[in-house]
């Protein structure tokens, strides 16, 4: 083979590699076309959306039923208002719960819809009233560490000896020469 043929094949191989990386990036970033047809839009207000992003999946029972359209901050009540586009094939009751979940331990966040039992269904422009905020991992870790620190402080305070306290443990009774039999009351 001559030099130009080898260069041509290397160029084709590199171009295919870039195309594969671009396709993978689009798939990971949820930028590929979804199989959602005609949609209706509903909103839900959350106090904390975590790292939820527009175009994030909306799932019910693990099935993709829609996408997050937009996220805006409401300065009046200090909440994030999430606009959700749901496929018209799926009708959800008006008492549906909207929860923000994380796929895996550190994966992407998505909205999970849990259907209620109401006869009336959500329509275009309705608001989902029952929501659960995102669980922020950093907040959970800091709460855990704070509770452990306060537990250690409490433990060190309770381990200090109390003057004139009566010790009725079996070890203290043996040291004092008292015998404790099974069934004897501890007083």
N, C-alpha and C. Protein backbone atom coordinates (compact mmCIF):
# COMPACT_ATOMS: atom_id res chain seq x y z
N UNK A 1 0.84 -1.18 0.00
CA UNK A 1 0.00 0.00 0.00
C UNK A 1 0.89 1.24 0.00
N UNK A 2 0.39 2.23 -0.69
CA UNK A 2 1.17 3.47 -0.70
C UNK A 2 0.71 4.38 0.44
N UNK A 3 1.45 5.42 0.66
CA UNK A 3 1.26 6.32 1.81
C UNK A 3 -0.12 7.00 1.80
N UNK A 4 -0.65 7.41 0.67
CA UNK A 4 -1.94 8.12 0.62
C UNK A 4 -3.10 7.19 0.98
N UNK A 5 -3.02 5.92 0.61
CA UNK A 5 -4.09 4.97 0.97
C UNK A 5 -4.12 4.74 2.48
N UNK A 6 -2.94 4.62 3.07
CA UNK A 6 -2.86 4.43 4.53
C UNK A 6 -3.40 5.67 5.24
N UNK A 7 -3.03 6.85 4.78
CA UNK A 7 -3.53 8.10 5.37
C UNK A 7 -5.05 8.20 5.24
N UNK A 8 -5.59 7.76 4.10
CA UNK A 8 -7.04 7.79 3.89
C UNK A 8 -7.76 6.88 4.89
N UNK A 9 -7.25 5.67 5.08
CA UNK A 9 -7.87 4.73 6.02
C UNK A 9 -7.75 5.22 7.47
N UNK A 10 -6.63 5.80 7.82
CA UNK A 10 -6.46 6.35 9.16
C UNK A 10 -7.45 7.49 9.38
N UNK A 11 -7.63 8.35 8.37
CA UNK A 11 -8.59 9.45 8.46
C UNK A 11 -10.01 8.95 8.63
N UNK A 12 -10.39 7.91 7.90
CA UNK A 12 -11.74 7.33 8.02
C UNK A 12 -11.93 6.74 9.41
N UNK A 13 -10.90 6.03 9.91
CA UNK A 13 -10.98 5.43 11.25
C UNK A 13 -11.14 6.51 12.32
N UNK A 14 -10.37 7.59 12.23
CA UNK A 14 -10.46 8.68 13.20
C UNK A 14 -11.83 9.35 13.13
N UNK A 15 -12.36 9.57 11.94
CA UNK A 15 -13.69 10.18 11.78
C UNK A 15 -14.77 9.29 12.39
N UNK A 16 -14.69 7.99 12.18
CA UNK A 16 -15.65 7.07 12.79
C UNK A 16 -15.55 7.08 14.32
N UNK A 17 -14.33 7.19 14.85
CA UNK A 17 -14.14 7.28 16.29
C UNK A 17 -14.78 8.54 16.86
N UNK A 18 -14.59 9.67 16.19
CA UNK A 18 -15.22 10.91 16.65
C UNK A 18 -16.74 10.83 16.58
N UNK A 19 -17.27 10.20 15.54
CA UNK A 19 -18.72 10.05 15.41
C UNK A 19 -19.27 9.17 16.54
N UNK A 20 -18.54 8.11 16.88
CA UNK A 20 -18.97 7.23 17.97
C UNK A 20 -18.95 7.97 19.31
N UNK A 21 -17.91 8.76 19.55
CA UNK A 21 -17.84 9.55 20.78
C UNK A 21 -18.95 10.59 20.85
N UNK A 22 -19.26 11.22 19.73
CA UNK A 22 -20.34 12.20 19.70
C UNK A 22 -21.69 11.52 19.99
N UNK A 23 -21.92 10.35 19.40
CA UNK A 23 -23.16 9.61 19.66
C UNK A 23 -23.27 9.19 21.12
N UNK A 24 -22.16 8.77 21.71
CA UNK A 24 -22.15 8.38 23.13
C UNK A 24 -22.42 9.58 24.02
N UNK A 25 -21.81 10.72 23.71
CA UNK A 25 -22.04 11.93 24.50
C UNK A 25 -23.49 12.38 24.40
N UNK A 26 -24.09 12.25 23.23
CA UNK A 26 -25.51 12.64 23.08
C UNK A 26 -26.40 11.70 23.88
N UNK A 27 -26.08 10.42 23.87
CA UNK A 27 -26.88 9.46 24.61
C UNK A 27 -26.77 9.68 26.12
N UNK A 28 -25.57 9.91 26.61
CA UNK A 28 -25.36 10.13 28.04
C UNK A 28 -26.00 11.43 28.48
N UNK A 29 -25.95 12.47 27.65
CA UNK A 29 -26.51 13.77 28.00
C UNK A 29 -27.99 13.90 27.70
N UNK A 30 -28.68 12.82 27.38
CA UNK A 30 -30.11 12.83 27.07
C UNK A 30 -30.45 13.79 25.94
N UNK A 31 -29.56 13.94 24.98
CA UNK A 31 -29.81 14.86 23.88
C UNK A 31 -30.31 14.16 22.63
N UNK A 32 -30.41 12.86 22.69
CA UNK A 32 -30.93 12.14 21.53
C UNK A 32 -32.43 12.27 21.51
N UNK A 33 -33.00 12.01 20.38
CA UNK A 33 -34.45 12.14 20.27
C UNK A 33 -35.13 11.08 21.11
N UNK A 34 -36.13 11.48 21.84
CA UNK A 34 -36.87 10.52 22.65
C UNK A 34 -38.10 10.08 21.86
N UNK A 35 -38.65 8.97 22.25
CA UNK A 35 -39.81 8.44 21.54
C UNK A 35 -41.09 8.96 22.15
N UNK A 36 -41.13 10.26 22.41
CA UNK A 36 -42.32 10.87 22.98
C UNK A 36 -43.07 11.58 21.86
N UNK A 37 -44.35 11.27 21.73
CA UNK A 37 -45.16 11.90 20.69
C UNK A 37 -45.74 13.21 21.17
N UNK A 38 -47.01 13.39 20.95
CA UNK A 38 -47.70 14.61 21.40
C UNK A 38 -47.71 14.64 22.93
N UNK A 39 -47.53 15.84 23.50
CA UNK A 39 -47.41 15.95 24.94
C UNK A 39 -48.40 16.96 25.51
N UNK A 40 -48.59 16.88 26.82
CA UNK A 40 -49.28 17.93 27.56
C UNK A 40 -48.35 18.39 28.66
N UNK A 41 -48.48 19.63 29.08
CA UNK A 41 -47.54 20.22 30.02
C UNK A 41 -48.19 20.41 31.39
N UNK A 42 -47.47 20.03 32.43
CA UNK A 42 -47.88 20.27 33.81
C UNK A 42 -46.69 20.88 34.55
N UNK A 43 -46.95 21.47 35.71
CA UNK A 43 -45.88 22.05 36.51
C UNK A 43 -45.88 21.43 37.90
N UNK A 44 -44.74 21.53 38.56
CA UNK A 44 -44.59 21.06 39.93
C UNK A 44 -43.58 21.97 40.61
N UNK A 45 -43.86 22.35 41.85
CA UNK A 45 -42.97 23.24 42.61
C UNK A 45 -42.18 22.42 43.63
N UNK A 46 -40.87 22.67 43.69
CA UNK A 46 -39.98 21.98 44.61
C UNK A 46 -39.18 23.02 45.38
N UNK A 47 -38.84 22.71 46.63
CA UNK A 47 -37.97 23.59 47.40
C UNK A 47 -36.51 23.39 47.01
N UNK A 48 -36.16 22.20 46.54
CA UNK A 48 -34.79 21.93 46.12
C UNK A 48 -34.84 20.91 44.99
N UNK A 49 -34.31 21.28 43.82
CA UNK A 49 -34.29 20.36 42.68
C UNK A 49 -32.95 19.66 42.52
N UNK A 50 -32.00 19.97 43.41
CA UNK A 50 -30.69 19.32 43.31
C UNK A 50 -30.02 19.67 42.00
N UNK A 51 -29.59 18.67 41.26
CA UNK A 51 -28.94 18.90 39.97
C UNK A 51 -29.83 18.47 38.81
N UNK A 52 -31.14 18.56 39.00
CA UNK A 52 -32.09 18.25 37.94
C UNK A 52 -31.90 19.26 36.81
N UNK A 53 -31.92 18.80 35.57
CA UNK A 53 -31.67 19.66 34.43
C UNK A 53 -32.80 19.55 33.42
N UNK A 54 -32.98 20.58 32.60
CA UNK A 54 -33.96 20.46 31.51
C UNK A 54 -33.62 19.26 30.62
N UNK A 55 -34.62 18.64 30.08
CA UNK A 55 -34.54 17.44 29.24
C UNK A 55 -34.24 16.18 30.05
N UNK A 56 -34.28 16.27 31.38
CA UNK A 56 -34.11 15.08 32.22
C UNK A 56 -35.34 14.18 32.06
N UNK A 57 -35.18 12.88 32.21
CA UNK A 57 -36.31 11.99 32.04
C UNK A 57 -37.37 12.12 33.15
N UNK A 58 -38.60 11.87 32.79
CA UNK A 58 -39.71 11.75 33.72
C UNK A 58 -40.21 10.32 33.57
N UNK A 59 -40.17 9.57 34.67
CA UNK A 59 -40.50 8.14 34.61
C UNK A 59 -41.62 7.81 35.57
N UNK A 60 -42.34 6.78 35.21
CA UNK A 60 -43.34 6.20 36.10
C UNK A 60 -43.20 4.68 35.98
N UNK A 61 -43.02 4.02 37.10
CA UNK A 61 -42.80 2.57 37.14
C UNK A 61 -41.60 2.18 36.27
N UNK A 62 -40.60 3.07 36.18
CA UNK A 62 -39.39 2.80 35.41
C UNK A 62 -39.51 3.04 33.92
N UNK A 63 -40.68 3.47 33.46
CA UNK A 63 -40.92 3.70 32.04
C UNK A 63 -40.85 5.19 31.75
N UNK A 64 -40.17 5.57 30.68
CA UNK A 64 -40.08 6.97 30.29
C UNK A 64 -41.45 7.45 29.81
N UNK A 65 -42.01 8.44 30.52
CA UNK A 65 -43.33 8.96 30.15
C UNK A 65 -43.28 10.43 29.75
N UNK A 66 -42.12 11.07 29.92
CA UNK A 66 -42.01 12.47 29.58
C UNK A 66 -40.62 13.00 29.81
N UNK A 67 -40.49 14.33 29.68
CA UNK A 67 -39.21 15.01 29.88
C UNK A 67 -39.43 16.31 30.64
N UNK A 68 -38.40 16.75 31.35
CA UNK A 68 -38.44 18.05 32.00
C UNK A 68 -38.25 19.10 30.91
N UNK A 69 -39.18 20.05 30.84
CA UNK A 69 -39.11 21.08 29.80
C UNK A 69 -38.26 22.26 30.26
N UNK A 70 -38.56 22.78 31.45
CA UNK A 70 -37.79 23.93 31.95
C UNK A 70 -37.85 23.98 33.47
N UNK A 71 -36.91 24.71 34.05
CA UNK A 71 -36.86 24.92 35.50
C UNK A 71 -36.63 26.41 35.72
N UNK A 72 -37.56 27.04 36.46
CA UNK A 72 -37.43 28.47 36.77
C UNK A 72 -37.59 28.67 38.27
N UNK A 73 -37.01 29.76 38.76
CA UNK A 73 -37.09 30.09 40.18
C UNK A 73 -38.21 31.08 40.41
N UNK A 74 -39.10 30.78 41.35
CA UNK A 74 -40.18 31.67 41.72
C UNK A 74 -39.72 32.49 42.92
N UNK A 75 -39.50 33.80 42.70
CA UNK A 75 -38.98 34.67 43.75
C UNK A 75 -39.99 35.00 44.82
N UNK A 76 -41.27 34.73 44.59
CA UNK A 76 -42.29 35.05 45.60
C UNK A 76 -42.30 34.03 46.74
N UNK A 77 -42.27 32.76 46.39
CA UNK A 77 -42.29 31.73 47.44
C UNK A 77 -40.97 30.95 47.52
N UNK A 78 -39.96 31.39 46.79
CA UNK A 78 -38.62 30.82 46.85
C UNK A 78 -38.60 29.33 46.55
N UNK A 79 -39.27 28.95 45.49
CA UNK A 79 -39.30 27.55 45.06
C UNK A 79 -38.91 27.47 43.59
N UNK A 80 -38.45 26.30 43.19
CA UNK A 80 -38.16 26.03 41.79
C UNK A 80 -39.42 25.43 41.16
N UNK A 81 -39.86 26.04 40.06
CA UNK A 81 -41.04 25.53 39.35
C UNK A 81 -40.55 24.77 38.13
N UNK A 82 -40.88 23.48 38.08
CA UNK A 82 -40.44 22.60 37.01
C UNK A 82 -41.60 22.37 36.06
N UNK A 83 -41.37 22.66 34.80
CA UNK A 83 -42.38 22.39 33.76
C UNK A 83 -42.07 21.03 33.15
N UNK A 84 -43.07 20.17 33.11
CA UNK A 84 -42.90 18.78 32.67
C UNK A 84 -43.79 18.54 31.46
N UNK A 85 -43.22 17.94 30.43
CA UNK A 85 -44.01 17.53 29.26
C UNK A 85 -44.21 16.02 29.35
N UNK A 86 -45.48 15.61 29.41
CA UNK A 86 -45.84 14.20 29.53
C UNK A 86 -46.52 13.75 28.25
N UNK A 87 -46.17 12.57 27.79
CA UNK A 87 -46.76 12.00 26.58
C UNK A 87 -48.27 11.85 26.78
N UNK A 88 -49.03 12.24 25.77
CA UNK A 88 -50.50 12.19 25.88
C UNK A 88 -51.05 10.78 26.02
N UNK A 89 -50.26 9.79 25.70
CA UNK A 89 -50.72 8.40 25.87
C UNK A 89 -50.90 8.04 27.33
N UNK A 90 -50.27 8.83 28.23
CA UNK A 90 -50.29 8.50 29.65
C UNK A 90 -51.07 9.56 30.41
N UNK A 91 -52.18 9.14 31.00
CA UNK A 91 -53.01 10.04 31.81
C UNK A 91 -52.76 9.72 33.28
N UNK A 92 -52.41 10.75 34.05
CA UNK A 92 -52.13 10.59 35.47
C UNK A 92 -53.21 11.28 36.29
N UNK A 93 -53.60 10.70 37.43
CA UNK A 93 -54.60 11.32 38.29
C UNK A 93 -54.11 12.66 38.85
N UNK A 94 -55.02 13.50 39.27
CA UNK A 94 -54.65 14.81 39.79
C UNK A 94 -53.90 14.72 41.12
N UNK A 95 -54.01 13.61 41.84
CA UNK A 95 -53.30 13.47 43.11
C UNK A 95 -51.98 12.69 42.94
N UNK A 96 -51.36 12.82 41.78
CA UNK A 96 -50.10 12.16 41.50
C UNK A 96 -48.97 12.82 42.30
N UNK A 97 -48.03 12.01 42.77
CA UNK A 97 -46.84 12.50 43.47
C UNK A 97 -45.71 12.65 42.47
N UNK A 98 -44.96 13.76 42.55
CA UNK A 98 -43.77 13.97 41.73
C UNK A 98 -42.56 13.99 42.67
N UNK A 99 -41.68 13.02 42.52
CA UNK A 99 -40.50 12.90 43.37
C UNK A 99 -39.25 13.03 42.51
N UNK A 100 -38.21 13.65 43.06
CA UNK A 100 -36.94 13.73 42.35
C UNK A 100 -36.04 12.63 42.89
N UNK A 101 -35.62 11.74 42.00
CA UNK A 101 -34.76 10.62 42.36
C UNK A 101 -33.41 10.75 41.67
N UNK A 102 -32.44 9.97 42.15
CA UNK A 102 -31.12 9.90 41.54
C UNK A 102 -30.92 8.49 41.03
N UNK A 103 -30.50 8.38 39.77
CA UNK A 103 -30.23 7.08 39.18
C UNK A 103 -28.87 6.60 39.70
N UNK A 104 -28.87 5.59 40.55
CA UNK A 104 -27.64 5.11 41.15
C UNK A 104 -27.21 6.02 42.29
N UNK A 105 -25.98 5.85 42.75
CA UNK A 105 -25.50 6.64 43.88
C UNK A 105 -25.18 8.06 43.48
N UNK A 106 -24.49 8.24 42.37
CA UNK A 106 -24.10 9.57 41.93
C UNK A 106 -24.55 9.84 40.49
N UNK A 107 -25.60 9.18 40.05
CA UNK A 107 -26.05 9.32 38.67
C UNK A 107 -26.88 10.57 38.44
N UNK A 108 -27.49 10.61 37.26
CA UNK A 108 -28.31 11.75 36.90
C UNK A 108 -29.61 11.75 37.71
N UNK A 109 -30.21 12.91 37.83
CA UNK A 109 -31.47 13.00 38.55
C UNK A 109 -32.62 13.02 37.55
N UNK A 110 -33.74 12.45 37.98
CA UNK A 110 -34.94 12.39 37.15
C UNK A 110 -36.16 12.55 38.04
N UNK A 111 -37.30 12.79 37.41
CA UNK A 111 -38.56 12.91 38.15
C UNK A 111 -39.31 11.59 38.02
N UNK A 112 -39.74 11.07 39.16
CA UNK A 112 -40.56 9.87 39.19
C UNK A 112 -41.98 10.24 39.55
N UNK A 113 -42.92 9.81 38.75
CA UNK A 113 -44.34 10.08 39.01
C UNK A 113 -44.98 8.84 39.60
N UNK A 114 -45.65 9.03 40.73
CA UNK A 114 -46.38 7.94 41.38
C UNK A 114 -47.85 8.29 41.35
N UNK A 115 -48.60 7.51 40.61
CA UNK A 115 -50.02 7.80 40.40
C UNK A 115 -50.82 7.63 41.69
N UNK A 116 -51.76 8.53 41.89
CA UNK A 116 -52.68 8.45 43.02
C UNK A 116 -53.91 7.65 42.63
N UNK A 117 -55.00 7.88 43.33
CA UNK A 117 -56.21 7.12 43.07
C UNK A 117 -57.40 7.96 42.63
N UNK A 118 -57.18 9.23 42.32
CA UNK A 118 -58.26 10.13 41.94
C UNK A 118 -58.81 9.75 40.56
N UNK A 119 -60.10 9.98 40.37
CA UNK A 119 -60.74 9.69 39.09
C UNK A 119 -60.39 10.73 38.04
N UNK A 120 -60.21 11.98 38.47
CA UNK A 120 -59.92 13.07 37.54
C UNK A 120 -58.43 13.01 37.16
N UNK A 121 -58.12 13.30 35.90
CA UNK A 121 -56.74 13.22 35.42
C UNK A 121 -56.16 14.61 35.18
N UNK A 122 -54.83 14.68 35.17
CA UNK A 122 -54.13 15.93 34.89
C UNK A 122 -54.38 16.37 33.45
N UNK A 123 -54.53 17.68 33.28
CA UNK A 123 -54.73 18.25 31.95
C UNK A 123 -53.62 19.24 31.68
N UNK A 124 -53.54 19.70 30.44
CA UNK A 124 -52.54 20.67 30.05
C UNK A 124 -52.65 21.92 30.92
N UNK A 125 -51.52 22.32 31.54
CA UNK A 125 -51.50 23.51 32.39
C UNK A 125 -51.75 23.25 33.86
N UNK A 126 -52.11 22.03 34.25
CA UNK A 126 -52.36 21.72 35.66
C UNK A 126 -51.06 21.72 36.46
N UNK A 127 -51.21 21.75 37.79
CA UNK A 127 -50.07 21.73 38.70
C UNK A 127 -50.13 20.48 39.56
N UNK A 128 -49.00 19.81 39.69
CA UNK A 128 -48.89 18.66 40.59
C UNK A 128 -48.62 19.23 41.98
N UNK A 129 -49.53 19.00 42.91
CA UNK A 129 -49.45 19.62 44.23
C UNK A 129 -48.53 18.85 45.18
N UNK A 130 -48.44 17.54 45.02
CA UNK A 130 -47.68 16.71 45.96
C UNK A 130 -46.30 16.41 45.38
N UNK A 131 -45.28 17.00 46.00
CA UNK A 131 -43.92 16.82 45.51
C UNK A 131 -42.98 16.44 46.64
N UNK A 132 -41.87 15.83 46.28
CA UNK A 132 -40.81 15.53 47.23
C UNK A 132 -39.51 16.01 46.62
N UNK A 133 -38.76 16.80 47.39
CA UNK A 133 -37.53 17.41 46.90
C UNK A 133 -36.45 16.37 46.65
N UNK A 134 -35.42 16.83 45.97
CA UNK A 134 -34.25 15.99 45.73
C UNK A 134 -33.50 15.78 47.03
N UNK A 135 -32.91 14.62 47.17
CA UNK A 135 -32.06 14.33 48.31
C UNK A 135 -30.65 14.75 47.93
N UNK A 136 -30.11 15.72 48.65
CA UNK A 136 -28.78 16.23 48.36
C UNK A 136 -27.78 15.45 49.21
N UNK A 137 -26.87 14.76 48.55
CA UNK A 137 -25.93 13.88 49.23
C UNK A 137 -25.06 14.64 50.23
N UNK A 138 -24.61 15.84 49.86
CA UNK A 138 -23.75 16.61 50.76
C UNK A 138 -24.50 16.97 52.04
N UNK A 139 -25.79 17.30 51.92
CA UNK A 139 -26.59 17.65 53.09
C UNK A 139 -26.76 16.44 54.01
N UNK A 140 -27.00 15.27 53.43
CA UNK A 140 -27.15 14.05 54.23
C UNK A 140 -25.86 13.72 54.97
N UNK A 141 -24.72 13.87 54.30
CA UNK A 141 -23.44 13.56 54.93
C UNK A 141 -23.18 14.52 56.09
N UNK A 142 -23.46 15.81 55.88
CA UNK A 142 -23.22 16.77 56.96
C UNK A 142 -24.15 16.52 58.14
N UNK A 143 -25.41 16.14 57.89
CA UNK A 143 -26.32 15.82 58.99
C UNK A 143 -25.84 14.59 59.76
N UNK A 144 -25.34 13.59 59.03
CA UNK A 144 -24.82 12.38 59.66
C UNK A 144 -23.62 12.71 60.54
N UNK A 145 -22.69 13.50 59.99
CA UNK A 145 -21.50 13.86 60.76
C UNK A 145 -21.86 14.71 61.97
N UNK A 146 -22.82 15.62 61.82
CA UNK A 146 -23.25 16.46 62.94
C UNK A 146 -23.88 15.61 64.03
N UNK A 147 -24.71 14.64 63.65
CA UNK A 147 -25.35 13.79 64.66
C UNK A 147 -24.31 12.93 65.38
N UNK A 148 -23.28 12.47 64.67
CA UNK A 148 -22.22 11.69 65.31
C UNK A 148 -21.41 12.56 66.27
N UNK A 149 -21.17 13.83 65.88
CA UNK A 149 -20.42 14.72 66.75
C UNK A 149 -21.20 15.03 68.02
N UNK A 150 -22.50 15.28 67.90
CA UNK A 150 -23.30 15.56 69.09
C UNK A 150 -23.46 14.31 69.95
N UNK A 151 -23.48 13.14 69.33
CA UNK A 151 -23.56 11.88 70.07
C UNK A 151 -22.30 11.67 70.90
N UNK A 152 -21.14 12.03 70.35
CA UNK A 152 -19.87 11.91 71.06
C UNK A 152 -19.83 12.87 72.24
N UNK A 153 -20.32 14.10 72.05
CA UNK A 153 -20.36 15.06 73.14
C UNK A 153 -21.26 14.58 74.26
N UNK A 154 -22.43 14.04 73.92
CA UNK A 154 -23.37 13.53 74.91
C UNK A 154 -22.76 12.36 75.67
N UNK A 155 -22.07 11.49 74.95
CA UNK A 155 -21.47 10.32 75.58
C UNK A 155 -20.39 10.74 76.57
N UNK A 156 -19.57 11.74 76.22
CA UNK A 156 -18.51 12.16 77.14
C UNK A 156 -19.10 12.84 78.38
N UNK A 157 -20.24 13.50 78.25
CA UNK A 157 -20.88 14.14 79.40
C UNK A 157 -21.50 13.07 80.30
N UNK A 158 -22.08 12.03 79.77
CA UNK A 158 -22.75 11.01 80.59
C UNK A 158 -21.77 10.05 81.23
N UNK A 159 -20.51 10.00 80.79
CA UNK A 159 -19.54 9.10 81.38
C UNK A 159 -18.82 9.70 82.56
N UNK A 160 -19.12 10.91 82.95
CA UNK A 160 -18.47 11.51 84.12
C UNK A 160 -19.11 10.95 85.38
N UNK A 161 -18.29 10.65 86.41
CA UNK A 161 -18.86 10.07 87.63
C UNK A 161 -19.72 11.09 88.38
N UNK A 162 -20.78 10.59 88.98
CA UNK A 162 -21.70 11.42 89.75
C UNK A 162 -21.39 11.19 91.22
N UNK A 163 -21.15 12.26 92.01
CA UNK A 163 -20.84 12.08 93.44
C UNK A 163 -22.03 11.47 94.19
N UNK A 164 -21.74 10.62 95.15
CA UNK A 164 -22.74 9.97 96.01
C UNK A 164 -23.71 9.09 95.23
N UNK A 165 -23.30 8.59 94.10
CA UNK A 165 -24.17 7.71 93.32
C UNK A 165 -23.97 6.28 93.81
N UNK A 166 -25.03 5.48 93.83
CA UNK A 166 -24.97 4.10 94.27
C UNK A 166 -24.78 3.23 93.05
N UNK A 167 -23.76 2.40 93.09
CA UNK A 167 -23.47 1.52 91.96
C UNK A 167 -23.94 0.12 92.32
N UNK A 168 -24.97 -0.39 91.68
CA UNK A 168 -25.53 -1.71 91.96
C UNK A 168 -25.17 -2.73 90.90
N UNK A 169 -24.10 -2.52 90.17
CA UNK A 169 -23.71 -3.51 89.18
C UNK A 169 -23.12 -4.72 89.87
N UNK A 170 -23.17 -5.90 89.24
CA UNK A 170 -22.60 -7.10 89.87
C UNK A 170 -21.12 -6.93 90.20
N UNK A 171 -20.35 -6.22 89.40
CA UNK A 171 -18.92 -6.03 89.67
C UNK A 171 -18.73 -5.19 90.93
N UNK A 172 -19.54 -4.14 91.10
CA UNK A 172 -19.44 -3.29 92.28
C UNK A 172 -19.87 -4.06 93.53
N UNK A 173 -20.91 -4.90 93.41
CA UNK A 173 -21.37 -5.70 94.55
C UNK A 173 -20.31 -6.72 94.97
N UNK A 174 -19.63 -7.33 94.00
CA UNK A 174 -18.59 -8.30 94.31
C UNK A 174 -17.43 -7.61 95.02
N UNK A 175 -17.10 -6.39 94.58
CA UNK A 175 -16.01 -5.64 95.19
C UNK A 175 -16.36 -5.27 96.63
N UNK A 176 -17.63 -5.00 96.89
CA UNK A 176 -18.07 -4.60 98.23
C UNK A 176 -18.36 -5.82 99.10
N UNK A 177 -18.26 -7.03 98.54
CA UNK A 177 -18.49 -8.24 99.32
C UNK A 177 -19.94 -8.66 99.37
N UNK A 178 -20.79 -8.07 98.58
CA UNK A 178 -22.19 -8.47 98.56
C UNK A 178 -22.38 -9.55 97.53
N UNK A 179 -23.26 -10.47 97.81
CA UNK A 179 -23.55 -11.48 96.80
C UNK A 179 -24.91 -11.20 96.20
N UNK A 180 -24.97 -11.40 94.90
CA UNK A 180 -26.23 -11.19 94.19
C UNK A 180 -26.60 -12.51 93.55
N UNK A 181 -27.73 -13.04 93.91
CA UNK A 181 -28.20 -14.29 93.34
C UNK A 181 -29.18 -13.99 92.24
N UNK A 182 -29.37 -14.97 91.39
CA UNK A 182 -30.36 -14.79 90.34
C UNK A 182 -31.74 -14.62 90.94
N UNK A 183 -32.46 -13.70 90.45
CA UNK A 183 -33.81 -13.47 90.94
C UNK A 183 -33.88 -12.47 92.08
N UNK A 184 -32.74 -12.12 92.70
CA UNK A 184 -32.76 -11.12 93.76
C UNK A 184 -33.03 -9.75 93.15
N UNK A 185 -33.85 -8.96 93.81
CA UNK A 185 -34.09 -7.62 93.28
C UNK A 185 -32.83 -6.77 93.42
N UNK A 186 -32.61 -5.81 92.54
CA UNK A 186 -31.37 -5.03 92.55
C UNK A 186 -31.36 -3.93 93.59
N UNK A 187 -32.28 -3.90 94.56
CA UNK A 187 -32.30 -2.83 95.58
C UNK A 187 -31.96 -3.34 96.94
